[in-house]
């Protein structure tokens, strides 16, 4: 999994995995850009255990915003983005 999104040299970490689309959507955790959704789906990302704000944005879609409590060894976040109306 990728480097830690939360800057903490100590303490337990949790792996976040994302599932959904669109693949080019941009993933942000705690206001830190971590990469495109397709890359994060493939490799995951590690964060410090605790509460985090997860955002996924893509052109033509409403933003996906969630507060997650990362406690388990791996937390899978289903990303369900809705198209903007025409």
Protein backbone atom coordinates (compact mmCIF):
# COMPACT_ATOMS: atom_id res chain seq x y z
CA UNK A 1 0.00 0.00 0.00
CA UNK A 2 1.03 3.57 -0.54
CA UNK A 3 2.62 5.85 2.03
CA UNK A 4 0.73 7.15 5.00
CA UNK A 5 -1.71 9.97 4.19
CA UNK A 6 -1.67 11.24 7.76
CA UNK A 7 1.73 12.53 8.83
CA UNK A 8 2.41 10.55 12.00
CA UNK A 9 5.66 8.72 12.66
CA UNK A 10 4.11 6.53 15.36
CA UNK A 11 0.87 4.76 16.14
CA UNK A 12 -1.12 2.04 14.42
CA UNK A 13 -2.06 2.41 10.77
CA UNK A 14 -4.99 1.07 8.77
CA UNK A 15 -5.11 0.17 5.09
CA UNK A 16 -7.82 1.90 3.07
CA UNK A 17 -9.03 0.27 -0.14
CA UNK A 18 -11.46 1.90 -2.56
CA UNK A 19 -13.90 0.27 -4.98
CA UNK A 20 -15.92 2.15 -7.59
CA UNK A 21 -15.48 4.72 -10.26
CA UNK A 22 -14.84 6.56 -12.41
CA UNK A 23 -11.22 5.37 -12.47
CA UNK A 24 -9.78 8.84 -13.15
CA UNK A 25 -11.47 10.37 -10.09
CA UNK A 26 -9.13 12.17 -7.68
CA UNK A 27 -8.88 10.82 -4.11
CA UNK A 28 -8.17 13.14 -1.16
CA UNK A 29 -7.80 12.06 2.47
CA UNK A 30 -7.80 14.75 5.17
CA UNK A 31 -7.21 17.41 2.48
CA UNK A 32 -4.12 15.56 1.17
CA UNK A 33 -4.27 14.43 -2.49
CA UNK A 34 -3.34 10.74 -2.66
CA UNK A 35 -3.88 9.95 -6.36
CA UNK A 36 -6.36 8.73 -8.96
CA UNK A 37 -9.01 6.25 -7.85
CA UNK A 38 -7.82 3.48 -10.20
CA UNK A 39 -4.34 3.63 -8.65
CA UNK A 40 -5.67 3.69 -5.07
CA UNK A 41 -7.97 0.74 -5.91
CA UNK A 42 -4.91 -1.21 -7.04
CA UNK A 43 -2.46 -0.43 -4.24
CA UNK A 44 -4.51 1.05 -1.37
CA UNK A 45 -3.27 3.69 1.03
CA UNK A 46 -2.34 3.60 4.73
CA UNK A 47 -3.61 6.11 7.28
CA UNK A 48 -3.24 6.54 11.01
CA UNK A 49 -6.02 4.72 12.89
CA UNK A 50 -8.92 7.04 13.70
CA UNK A 51 -11.41 9.33 11.97
CA UNK A 52 -10.62 10.67 8.47
CA UNK A 53 -12.40 12.70 5.79
CA UNK A 54 -12.34 10.94 2.42
CA UNK A 55 -13.22 12.86 -0.75
CA UNK A 56 -13.37 11.66 -4.34
CA UNK A 57 -13.95 14.13 -7.18
CA UNK A 58 -14.33 13.74 -10.94
CA UNK A 59 -15.49 16.02 -13.73
CA UNK A 60 -19.19 15.48 -14.50
CA UNK A 61 -19.96 13.89 -11.09
CA UNK A 62 -21.15 15.11 -7.73
CA UNK A 63 -18.29 14.90 -5.18
CA UNK A 64 -18.19 11.84 -2.93
CA UNK A 65 -17.46 12.86 0.67
CA UNK A 66 -17.41 10.58 3.69
CA UNK A 67 -16.16 10.59 7.25
CA UNK A 68 -14.69 7.15 7.99
CA UNK A 69 -13.48 5.61 11.22
CA UNK A 70 -10.42 3.54 10.33
CA UNK A 71 -10.19 0.88 13.05
CA UNK A 72 -9.88 -2.49 11.28
CA UNK A 73 -6.70 -3.78 9.63
CA UNK A 74 -8.21 -2.92 6.22
CA UNK A 75 -11.23 -0.74 5.50
CA UNK A 76 -12.90 -1.02 2.08
CA UNK A 77 -14.73 2.14 0.97
CA UNK A 78 -17.31 1.71 -1.79
CA UNK A 79 -17.29 4.86 -3.95
CA UNK A 80 -20.68 5.48 -5.57
CA UNK A 81 -20.55 8.70 -7.58
CA UNK A 82 -23.63 10.22 -9.16
CA UNK A 83 -23.55 11.98 -12.55
CA UNK A 84 -24.33 15.69 -12.58
CA UNK A 85 -27.61 16.43 -14.40
CA UNK A 86 -27.32 17.71 -17.99
